[in-house]
Protein backbone atom coordinates (compact mmCIF):
# COMPACT_ATOMS: atom_id res chain seq x y z
CA MET A 1 -186.67 -39.14 -97.31
CA ILE A 2 -186.83 -35.14 -98.33
CA VAL A 3 -188.51 -34.41 -95.39
CA ALA A 4 -186.02 -36.20 -92.92
CA TRP A 5 -182.84 -35.20 -94.35
CA GLY A 6 -183.68 -32.19 -95.93
CA ILE A 7 -185.80 -30.17 -93.41
CA LEU A 8 -185.52 -32.04 -90.07
CA VAL A 9 -181.73 -32.74 -89.62
CA PRO A 10 -180.64 -29.33 -91.03
CA ILE A 11 -183.19 -27.68 -88.46
CA ALA A 12 -181.21 -30.29 -85.75
CA VAL A 13 -177.94 -28.98 -86.81
CA LEU A 14 -178.25 -25.55 -86.70
CA SER A 15 -179.75 -25.34 -83.88
CA SER A 16 -176.87 -26.76 -82.63
CA ILE A 17 -174.84 -24.50 -83.85
CA LEU A 18 -176.71 -21.00 -83.64
CA PHE A 19 -179.79 -21.36 -81.47
CA ARG A 20 -177.50 -21.85 -77.87
CA HIS A 21 -178.51 -18.42 -77.07
CA LYS A 22 -181.76 -18.78 -76.02
CA PRO A 23 -182.57 -18.55 -72.24
CA ARG A 24 -183.43 -21.68 -70.08
CA THR A 25 -179.89 -23.96 -72.00
CA GLY A 26 -181.14 -26.59 -73.21
CA VAL A 27 -183.68 -25.32 -75.73
CA TRP A 28 -181.54 -26.01 -78.36
CA PHE A 29 -180.78 -29.75 -77.38
CA ILE A 30 -184.18 -30.40 -77.16
CA ILE A 31 -184.85 -29.50 -80.88
CA HIS A 32 -181.49 -31.38 -81.89
CA ARG A 33 -182.87 -34.41 -80.41
CA LEU A 34 -186.12 -34.33 -81.54
CA CYS A 35 -185.99 -33.36 -84.92
CA ASN A 36 -182.54 -36.32 -85.38
CA GLY A 37 -185.07 -39.14 -83.95
CA LEU A 38 -187.69 -38.18 -86.45
CA ALA A 39 -185.74 -38.10 -89.05
CA LEU A 40 -183.84 -41.70 -88.30
CA PHE A 41 -187.44 -42.76 -87.96
CA LEU A 42 -188.71 -41.33 -91.21
CA THR A 43 -185.35 -42.75 -92.67
CA ILE A 44 -186.07 -46.42 -91.81
CA VAL A 45 -189.44 -46.20 -92.71
CA GLY A 46 -188.44 -45.27 -96.27
CA ILE A 47 -185.67 -47.91 -96.56
CA LEU A 48 -188.43 -50.80 -95.46
CA TYR A 49 -191.10 -48.88 -98.34
CA ALA A 50 -187.90 -48.95 -100.88
CA PHE A 51 -187.32 -52.70 -100.52
CA VAL A 52 -191.14 -53.33 -100.77
CA LYS A 53 -191.80 -51.44 -103.37
CA PHE A 54 -188.64 -51.63 -106.00
CA GLY A 55 -186.99 -54.79 -104.29
CA ASN A 56 -183.22 -55.32 -104.28
CA VAL A 57 -181.42 -52.18 -105.37
CA PHE A 58 -178.00 -54.00 -105.20
CA GLN A 59 -178.58 -56.62 -107.62
CA GLU A 60 -176.58 -56.52 -111.57
CA GLY A 61 -178.04 -54.30 -114.11
CA ALA A 62 -179.62 -51.46 -111.55
CA LYS A 63 -176.42 -49.19 -111.83
CA PRO A 64 -178.30 -45.75 -111.06
CA SER A 65 -180.22 -47.38 -108.36
CA LYS A 66 -177.24 -49.45 -107.14
CA ARG A 67 -175.39 -45.93 -106.97
CA HIS A 68 -178.40 -43.77 -104.71
CA GLY A 69 -179.05 -47.78 -102.58
CA THR A 70 -175.51 -47.78 -101.91
CA LEU A 71 -175.39 -43.41 -100.62
CA GLY A 72 -178.31 -44.47 -98.80
CA MET A 73 -177.36 -46.90 -96.63
CA THR A 74 -173.99 -45.34 -96.40
CA THR A 75 -176.46 -42.69 -94.87
CA PHE A 76 -178.25 -44.67 -92.72
CA SER A 77 -175.02 -46.37 -91.05
CA CYS A 78 -173.34 -42.79 -90.36
CA ALA A 79 -176.75 -41.41 -88.32
CA MET A 80 -176.91 -44.83 -86.52
CA ILE A 81 -173.30 -44.47 -85.68
CA GLN A 82 -174.05 -40.57 -84.77
CA LEU A 83 -177.12 -42.35 -82.50
CA MET A 84 -174.90 -44.66 -80.98
CA MET A 85 -172.07 -41.74 -80.23
CA GLY A 86 -175.28 -39.34 -78.58
CA LEU A 87 -176.67 -42.11 -76.38
CA CYS A 88 -173.05 -42.64 -74.97
CA ARG A 89 -171.07 -39.17 -75.17
CA PRO A 90 -169.34 -38.28 -71.86
CA HIS A 91 -171.54 -35.12 -70.06
CA LEU A 92 -169.95 -32.29 -68.99
CA PRO A 93 -168.85 -32.16 -65.24
CA ASP A 94 -170.89 -30.51 -62.73
CA SER A 95 -169.34 -26.63 -62.30
CA GLU A 96 -172.23 -24.78 -60.45
CA GLY A 97 -173.57 -22.42 -62.89
CA GLN A 98 -169.95 -21.80 -64.12
CA PRO A 99 -168.78 -22.91 -67.63
CA ALA A 100 -167.64 -26.32 -67.61
CA GLN A 101 -164.46 -27.27 -68.18
CA LYS A 102 -164.48 -29.98 -70.71
CA THR A 103 -162.70 -32.85 -70.53
CA ARG A 104 -160.16 -34.43 -72.90
CA GLN A 105 -162.72 -37.50 -73.69
CA ARG A 106 -165.43 -34.66 -74.05
CA THR A 107 -163.40 -32.75 -76.63
CA ILE A 108 -162.82 -35.67 -79.05
CA PHE A 109 -166.21 -36.57 -78.88
CA GLU A 110 -167.33 -33.23 -80.03
CA VAL A 111 -165.01 -32.90 -82.81
CA MET A 112 -166.16 -36.49 -83.86
CA HIS A 113 -169.64 -36.00 -83.27
CA ARG A 114 -169.99 -32.77 -85.28
CA GLY A 115 -167.62 -33.92 -88.09
CA LEU A 116 -169.25 -37.08 -89.07
CA GLY A 117 -172.84 -34.89 -88.83
CA TYR A 118 -171.67 -32.58 -91.37
CA SER A 119 -170.12 -35.09 -93.32
CA THR A 120 -173.44 -37.07 -93.51
CA VAL A 121 -175.89 -34.51 -94.14
CA ALA A 122 -173.62 -33.88 -97.31
CA LEU A 123 -173.86 -37.32 -98.04
CA ALA A 124 -177.32 -37.25 -97.38
CA TYR A 125 -177.76 -34.62 -100.12
CA THR A 126 -176.32 -36.19 -102.66
CA THR A 127 -177.98 -39.35 -102.25
CA LEU A 128 -181.17 -37.39 -101.99
CA TYR A 129 -180.13 -36.07 -105.40
CA PHE A 130 -179.20 -39.40 -107.14
CA GLY A 131 -182.68 -40.90 -105.83
CA ALA A 132 -184.06 -38.13 -108.13
CA GLN A 133 -182.18 -38.99 -110.81
CA VAL A 134 -183.65 -42.29 -110.43
CA SER A 135 -187.53 -41.45 -109.89
CA GLY A 136 -189.07 -41.73 -113.68
CA THR A 137 -191.47 -39.70 -114.56
CA SER A 138 -191.14 -37.97 -111.13
CA ARG A 139 -187.92 -36.46 -111.69
CA ASP A 140 -188.93 -32.99 -112.62
CA ARG A 141 -190.77 -32.81 -109.15
CA PHE A 142 -188.28 -34.74 -107.13
CA MET A 143 -185.26 -32.36 -108.88
CA ALA A 144 -187.63 -29.28 -107.94
CA ALA A 145 -187.84 -30.75 -103.93
CA TRP A 146 -184.20 -30.86 -104.20
CA TYR A 147 -183.45 -27.60 -105.33
CA ALA A 148 -185.86 -26.20 -102.57
CA VAL A 149 -184.19 -27.91 -99.92
CA LEU A 150 -180.86 -27.02 -100.69
CA GLY A 151 -182.26 -23.47 -100.12
CA PHE A 152 -184.06 -24.30 -96.88
CA PRO A 153 -180.70 -24.41 -94.35
CA VAL A 154 -179.76 -21.02 -95.68
CA ALA A 155 -183.65 -19.56 -94.65
CA VAL A 156 -183.45 -21.30 -91.28
CA ALA A 157 -179.45 -20.37 -90.68
CA ALA A 158 -180.76 -16.65 -91.80
CA TRP A 159 -183.79 -16.98 -89.60
CA MET A 160 -181.97 -17.83 -86.16
CA LEU A 161 -179.07 -15.59 -86.67
CA TRP A 162 -181.59 -12.47 -87.06
CA ASP A 163 -183.24 -14.50 -83.64
CA LYS A 164 -180.05 -14.42 -81.94
CA PHE A 165 -179.19 -10.99 -83.18
CA GLN A 166 -182.80 -9.40 -81.31
CA HIS A 167 -181.78 -11.32 -78.05
CA ARG A 168 -178.46 -9.67 -77.41
CA HIS A 169 -179.57 -6.31 -78.50
CA LEU A 170 -182.71 -6.62 -76.25
CA HIS A 171 -180.07 -8.31 -73.26
CA GLU A 172 -178.14 -5.47 -73.85
CA GLU A 173 -181.26 -2.91 -73.26
CA LEU A 174 -182.61 -4.37 -70.75
CA PRO A 175 -182.26 -2.98 -66.85
CA GLN A 176 -179.93 -5.19 -64.64
CA PRO A 177 -181.60 -8.10 -63.04
CA LEU A 178 -184.02 -7.27 -59.68
CA SER A 179 -181.34 -9.46 -57.37
CA GLN A 180 -178.63 -7.06 -58.56
CA ARG A 181 -180.73 -4.07 -58.91
CA ASN A 182 -181.91 -5.13 -55.02
CA LYS A 183 -178.02 -5.47 -54.03
CA SER A 184 -177.16 -2.16 -55.36
CA GLN A 185 -179.67 -0.70 -53.96
CA GLU A 186 -178.55 -2.07 -50.34
CA GLN A 187 -175.13 -0.67 -50.93
CA LEU A 188 -176.36 2.61 -51.65
CA LYS A 189 -178.25 2.65 -48.45
CA ARG A 190 -175.21 1.45 -46.39
CA VAL A 191 -173.15 4.24 -47.70
CA SER A 192 -175.62 7.17 -47.40
CA SER A 193 -176.14 5.64 -43.64
CA SER A 194 -172.26 5.55 -42.70
CA LEU A 195 -172.25 9.65 -44.44
CA SER A 196 -174.84 10.69 -42.86
CA SER A 197 -174.52 9.07 -38.87
CA GLY A 198 -170.41 10.15 -38.85
CA PRO A 199 -168.49 9.51 -36.09
CA PRO A 200 -170.02 9.88 -32.69
CA GLY A 201 -170.52 12.60 -30.75
CA ASP A 202 -170.14 14.44 -33.93
CA GLU A 203 -173.78 15.73 -33.28
CA ALA A 204 -173.22 18.17 -30.11
CA THR A 205 -170.84 20.30 -32.74
CA ASP A 206 -172.84 20.02 -35.97
CA PRO A 207 -174.39 23.26 -36.18
CA GLU A 208 -177.35 22.07 -37.92
CA LEU A 209 -177.88 19.21 -35.33
CA ALA A 210 -177.70 21.38 -32.77
CA GLU A 211 -180.27 22.53 -30.34
CA PRO A 212 -181.38 26.66 -31.19
CA PRO A 213 -180.14 29.09 -28.21
CA ALA A 214 -182.87 30.22 -25.58
CA VAL A 215 -185.24 33.20 -26.63
CA GLU A 216 -184.85 35.81 -23.36
CA SER A 217 -187.99 37.26 -22.29
CA MET A 218 -187.89 41.01 -22.89
CA PRO A 219 -189.37 43.16 -20.36
CA ASP A 220 -193.01 44.59 -19.99
CA ASP A 221 -193.19 48.29 -21.63
CA ASP A 222 -196.45 48.67 -19.56
CA ALA A 223 -194.41 47.32 -16.13
C-alpha cells in the first residue's frame, strides 16, 4: 500500500500537473495511466492479503483495525470511481493542431476528476497513517516509511519543476524550426530578387548595367 499510494499515485497526479510541457504531448498521460493502473492492482492485492492474514477487521472489538479498514475501503471505492470516470471521460474535440475548445461536459469531468483525485490521495495518506499505528511491532518501521512518502511528492514535484524550467529555457534559446527558417529564407530571396530586377527597361538607363563606350583607335605615329 505504501508503494501504491505513497509513490505511484503521487507520480501519476504530479505528472498530470507538472509534466505537460514535454514535447509530443501524451507522455504525461502515459505516466498518469500506467502509475494509476499499477497502484490499483497493488491495492487489490493488498486488500485480499489483509483479509486472508488478518480476517474481518470490521468485527466488534477491533476498533483501531476497523478504522483503518473503513478508510481503506473508502479509498479503494474512490479509486474505482476514478477509474470509471477516466474510462468514460468526454474527449476533447479535434481542433487540427489548434488549442481545443473544451465542451461543458469536459469541463465538468475535469473538475470532478481532479477534485476526487486530490481528496482520494489525502484520504490514502490518512489510511496509511492509521495502518502504521496498528502494525504492532513493526509500527516504528511503518511510521518511518510514512514520513518518507510524505516527502517523496515534494522531491518529485521539485524535479518536475526543474525539468519544466530547463525545457522552457532551452526552447527559448533554440533557433527557429527548420520549416520557419526555410520560409524566412524564401521570403528574403523573393525580396532580394524584386529589388535587384527593378522595373522593365531600367537596365538601359542604369549606368552600372550599361555597356562601356567603345574606345576609338588612335592614329599610328609611324604612319
